[in-house]
C-alpha cells in the first residue's frame, strides 16, 4: 500500500505529464476532491446489510441530497444528507479554472472519478487524460 506522500507524488506526476502546471497543494486538493466524488458515487450506488439497504439520492425539484433507507421489514425513510459532492465540484472547478485546464467526472464508482487535461474532453476520450488516482 502506498503512503499518502507517494499517492500525492503520483498525482502530481500524472498532472505534470499531462502538461498541467499544478503544484503540491493543487495535487492534494484535487486528490481529496476526487476521493470525495468517488465516495459520493458509491453512496449513490448504495449498500446494504442483513437488515436494510441505503443510498443517496437528490430531490428532483430542489436538488437537495437525501439518504434513503429501505429496511427489509417496514417502510422506507428519507433524511437530509450533507451535499459533499457540490463542495468537491466547486473546488475542482476553481482549481481547473486557475490552472487553465479541463476536467471530466467519470460517473462509475468502480473506476477513477476525476480526469484532468489541458485539452477539452468528452465522454468518449476522457481516458486519455491524467486520472487522479484515489486508491
C-alpha atoms as a PDB file:
ATOM      1  CA  UNK A   1       0.000   0.000   0.000  1.00  0.00           C
ATOM      2  CA  UNK A   2       1.322   3.415  -0.952  1.00  0.00           C
ATOM      3  CA  UNK A   3       1.785   6.140   1.611  1.00  0.00           C
ATOM      4  CA  UNK A   4      -0.175   9.395   1.249  1.00  0.00           C
ATOM      5  CA  UNK A   5       3.073  11.100   0.211  1.00  0.00           C
ATOM      6  CA  UNK A   6       3.578   8.560  -2.591  1.00  0.00           C
ATOM      7  CA  UNK A   7      -0.037   8.902  -3.723  1.00  0.00           C
ATOM      8  CA  UNK A   8       0.169  12.693  -3.932  1.00  0.00           C
ATOM      9  CA  UNK A   9       3.539  12.491  -5.696  1.00  0.00           C
ATOM     10  CA  UNK A  10       1.960  10.133  -8.245  1.00  0.00           C
ATOM     11  CA  UNK A  11      -0.954  12.553  -8.743  1.00  0.00           C
ATOM     12  CA  UNK A  12       1.457  15.431  -9.314  1.00  0.00           C
ATOM     13  CA  UNK A  13       3.422  13.323 -11.813  1.00  0.00           C
ATOM     14  CA  UNK A  14       0.214  12.492 -13.725  1.00  0.00           C
ATOM     15  CA  UNK A  15      -0.673  16.190 -13.914  1.00  0.00           C
ATOM     16  CA  UNK A  16       2.844  17.203 -14.981  1.00  0.00           C
ATOM     17  CA  UNK A  17       2.895  14.577 -17.766  1.00  0.00           C
ATOM     18  CA  UNK A  18      -0.446  15.934 -18.971  1.00  0.00           C
ATOM     19  CA  UNK A  19       1.064  19.438 -19.147  1.00  0.00           C
ATOM     20  CA  UNK A  20      -0.872  20.881 -16.211  1.00  0.00           C
ATOM     21  CA  UNK A  21       1.223  23.346 -14.196  1.00  0.00           C
ATOM     22  CA  UNK A  22      -0.003  22.160 -10.796  1.00  0.00           C
ATOM     23  CA  UNK A  23       1.874  22.383  -7.527  1.00  0.00           C
ATOM     24  CA  UNK A  24       1.780  20.168  -4.442  1.00  0.00           C
ATOM     25  CA  UNK A  25      -1.239  21.902  -2.885  1.00  0.00           C
ATOM     26  CA  UNK A  26      -3.187  21.567  -6.155  1.00  0.00           C
ATOM     27  CA  UNK A  27      -2.409  17.841  -6.282  1.00  0.00           C
ATOM     28  CA  UNK A  28      -3.527  17.410  -2.673  1.00  0.00           C
ATOM     29  CA  UNK A  29      -6.776  19.343  -3.236  1.00  0.00           C
ATOM     30  CA  UNK A  30      -7.619  17.545  -6.494  1.00  0.00           C
ATOM     31  CA  UNK A  31      -6.908  14.149  -4.967  1.00  0.00           C
ATOM     32  CA  UNK A  32      -9.080  14.870  -1.926  1.00  0.00           C
ATOM     33  CA  UNK A  33     -11.899  16.192  -4.137  1.00  0.00           C
ATOM     34  CA  UNK A  34     -11.625  13.098  -6.345  1.00  0.00           C
ATOM     35  CA  UNK A  35     -11.875  10.825  -3.294  1.00  0.00           C
ATOM     36  CA  UNK A  36     -14.961  12.753  -2.148  1.00  0.00           C
ATOM     37  CA  UNK A  37     -16.588  12.403  -5.580  1.00  0.00           C
ATOM     38  CA  UNK A  38     -15.766   8.683  -5.663  1.00  0.00           C
ATOM     39  CA  UNK A  39     -17.269   8.125  -2.208  1.00  0.00           C
ATOM     40  CA  UNK A  40     -20.377  10.091  -3.232  1.00  0.00           C
ATOM     41  CA  UNK A  41     -20.776   7.865  -6.288  1.00  0.00           C
ATOM     42  CA  UNK A  42     -20.512   4.801  -4.059  1.00  0.00           C
ATOM     43  CA  UNK A  43     -23.269   6.211  -1.849  1.00  0.00           C
ATOM     44  CA  UNK A  44     -25.436   6.817  -4.920  1.00  0.00           C
ATOM     45  CA  UNK A  45     -24.993   3.164  -5.898  1.00  0.00           C
ATOM     46  CA  UNK A  46     -25.981   2.164  -2.409  1.00  0.00           C
ATOM     47  CA  UNK A  47     -25.106  -0.569   0.029  1.00  0.00           C
ATOM     48  CA  UNK A  48     -26.875  -2.992   2.318  1.00  0.00           C
ATOM     49  CA  UNK A  49     -26.565  -5.342   5.243  1.00  0.00           C
ATOM     50  CA  UNK A  50     -28.737  -8.118   6.674  1.00  0.00           C
ATOM     51  CA  UNK A  51     -31.377  -5.622   7.844  1.00  0.00           C
ATOM     52  CA  UNK A  52     -31.615  -2.793   5.318  1.00  0.00           C
ATOM     53  CA  UNK A  53     -30.277  -1.145   2.180  1.00  0.00           C
ATOM     54  CA  UNK A  54     -29.492   2.543   1.675  1.00  0.00           C
ATOM     55  CA  UNK A  55     -28.380   5.062  -0.913  1.00  0.00           C
ATOM     56  CA  UNK A  56     -28.106   8.806  -1.521  1.00  0.00           C
ATOM     57  CA  UNK A  57     -30.496  10.450  -3.955  1.00  0.00           C
ATOM     58  CA  UNK A  58     -31.260  14.018  -4.952  1.00  0.00           C
ATOM     59  CA  UNK A  59     -34.720  15.503  -4.753  1.00  0.00           C
ATOM     60  CA  UNK A  60     -35.821  16.125  -8.342  1.00  0.00           C
ATOM     61  CA  UNK A  61     -37.356  19.513  -7.512  1.00  0.00           C
ATOM     62  CA  UNK A  62     -34.915  21.046  -5.018  1.00  0.00           C
ATOM     63  CA  UNK A  63     -31.728  19.161  -5.886  1.00  0.00           C
ATOM     64  CA  UNK A  64     -31.048  18.554  -2.181  1.00  0.00           C
ATOM     65  CA  UNK A  65     -29.482  15.198  -1.286  1.00  0.00           C
ATOM     66  CA  UNK A  66     -31.193  12.679   0.975  1.00  0.00           C
ATOM     67  CA  UNK A  67     -30.081   9.394   2.493  1.00  0.00           C
ATOM     68  CA  UNK A  68     -32.825   6.866   1.767  1.00  0.00           C
ATOM     69  CA  UNK A  69     -33.001   3.738   3.905  1.00  0.00           C
ATOM     70  CA  UNK A  70     -35.072   0.710   2.921  1.00  0.00           C
ATOM     71  CA  UNK A  71     -35.468  -1.715   5.837  1.00  0.00           C
ATOM     72  CA  UNK A  72     -36.121  -5.296   4.776  1.00  0.00           C
ATOM     73  CA  UNK A  73     -39.168  -5.155   7.048  1.00  0.00           C
ATOM     74  CA  UNK A  74     -41.088  -1.897   7.289  1.00  0.00           C
ATOM     75  CA  UNK A  75     -41.293   1.292   5.282  1.00  0.00           C
ATOM     76  CA  UNK A  76     -38.506   3.375   3.764  1.00  0.00           C
ATOM     77  CA  UNK A  77     -37.252   6.552   5.392  1.00  0.00           C
ATOM     78  CA  UNK A  78     -35.543   9.608   3.956  1.00  0.00           C
ATOM     79  CA  UNK A  79     -33.391  12.152   5.794  1.00  0.00           C
ATOM     80  CA  UNK A  80     -31.394  15.182   4.694  1.00  0.00           C
ATOM     81  CA  UNK A  81     -27.766  14.437   3.912  1.00  0.00           C
ATOM     82  CA  UNK A  82     -24.788  16.840   3.604  1.00  0.00           C
ATOM     83  CA  UNK A  83     -24.019  17.736  -0.017  1.00  0.00           C
ATOM     84  CA  UNK A  84     -20.334  16.866  -0.129  1.00  0.00           C
ATOM     85  CA  UNK A  85     -20.431  16.416  -3.898  1.00  0.00           C
ATOM     86  CA  UNK A  86     -21.228  20.086  -4.522  1.00  0.00           C
ATOM     87  CA  UNK A  87     -18.285  21.278  -2.431  1.00  0.00           C
ATOM     88  CA  UNK A  88     -15.863  18.918  -4.166  1.00  0.00           C
ATOM     89  CA  UNK A  89     -17.137  20.015  -7.587  1.00  0.00           C
ATOM     90  CA  UNK A  90     -16.630  23.687  -6.657  1.00  0.00           C
ATOM     91  CA  UNK A  91     -13.042  23.009  -5.580  1.00  0.00           C
ATOM     92  CA  UNK A  92     -12.282  21.082  -8.783  1.00  0.00           C
ATOM     93  CA  UNK A  93     -13.791  23.803 -10.962  1.00  0.00           C
ATOM     94  CA  UNK A  94     -11.898  26.590  -9.174  1.00  0.00           C
ATOM     95  CA  UNK A  95      -8.544  24.794  -9.395  1.00  0.00           C
ATOM     96  CA  UNK A  96      -9.014  23.889 -13.060  1.00  0.00           C
ATOM     97  CA  UNK A  97     -10.015  27.448 -13.955  1.00  0.00           C
ATOM     98  CA  UNK A  98      -6.931  28.806 -12.176  1.00  0.00           C
ATOM     99  CA  UNK A  99      -4.657  26.242 -13.889  1.00  0.00           C
ATOM    100  CA  UNK A 100      -6.361  26.786 -17.269  1.00  0.00           C
ATOM    101  CA  UNK A 101      -7.199  23.109 -17.708  1.00  0.00           C
ATOM    102  CA  UNK A 102     -10.293  20.953 -18.174  1.00  0.00           C
ATOM    103  CA  UNK A 103     -11.806  18.182 -16.090  1.00  0.00           C
ATOM    104  CA  UNK A 104     -14.164  15.274 -16.601  1.00  0.00           C
ATOM    105  CA  UNK A 105     -16.068  13.390 -13.916  1.00  0.00           C
ATOM    106  CA  UNK A 106     -16.430   9.722 -14.792  1.00  0.00           C
ATOM    107  CA  UNK A 107     -19.700   8.581 -13.238  1.00  0.00           C
ATOM    108  CA  UNK A 108     -18.944   4.936 -12.429  1.00  0.00           C
ATOM    109  CA  UNK A 109     -17.827   4.425  -8.830  1.00  0.00           C
ATOM    110  CA  UNK A 110     -15.791   1.348  -9.819  1.00  0.00           C
ATOM    111  CA  UNK A 111     -13.110   3.409 -11.573  1.00  0.00           C
ATOM    112  CA  UNK A 112     -11.241   6.638 -11.092  1.00  0.00           C
ATOM    113  CA  UNK A 113     -13.625   9.574 -10.824  1.00  0.00           C
ATOM    114  CA  UNK A 114     -11.627  12.620 -11.933  1.00  0.00           C
ATOM    115  CA  UNK A 115      -9.668  13.201 -15.117  1.00  0.00           C
ATOM    116  CA  UNK A 116      -7.681  16.382 -15.821  1.00  0.00           C
ATOM    117  CA  UNK A 117      -6.330  17.627 -19.163  1.00  0.00           C
ATOM    118  CA  UNK A 118      -5.153  20.806 -20.823  1.00  0.00           C
ATOM    119  CA  UNK A 119      -7.442  19.877 -23.739  1.00  0.00           C
ATOM    120  CA  UNK A 120     -11.253  19.666 -23.597  1.00  0.00           C
ATOM    121  CA  UNK A 121     -12.562  16.122 -23.086  1.00  0.00           C
ATOM    122  CA  UNK A 122     -15.710  14.248 -23.980  1.00  0.00           C
ATOM    123  CA  UNK A 123     -17.260  11.107 -22.529  1.00  0.00           C
ATOM    124  CA  UNK A 124     -15.573   9.178 -25.363  1.00  0.00           C
ATOM    125  CA  UNK A 125     -11.959  10.362 -24.905  1.00  0.00           C
ATOM    126  CA  UNK A 126     -11.520  11.354 -21.245  1.00  0.00           C
ATOM    127  CA  UNK A 127      -9.496   8.178 -20.542  1.00  0.00           C
ATOM    128  CA  UNK A 128      -6.543   9.712 -22.417  1.00  0.00           C
ATOM    129  CA  UNK A 129      -6.178  12.435 -19.787  1.00  0.00           C
ATOM    130  CA  UNK A 130      -4.436  12.282 -16.415  1.00  0.00           C
ATOM    131  CA  UNK A 131      -6.605  10.469 -13.911  1.00  0.00           C
ATOM    132  CA  UNK A 132      -6.471  11.454 -10.279  1.00  0.00           C
ATOM    133  CA  UNK A 133      -5.868   8.122  -8.582  1.00  0.00           C
ATOM    134  CA  UNK A 134      -7.892   7.614  -5.414  1.00  0.00           C
ATOM    135  CA  UNK A 135      -6.773   4.131  -4.371  1.00  0.00           C
END
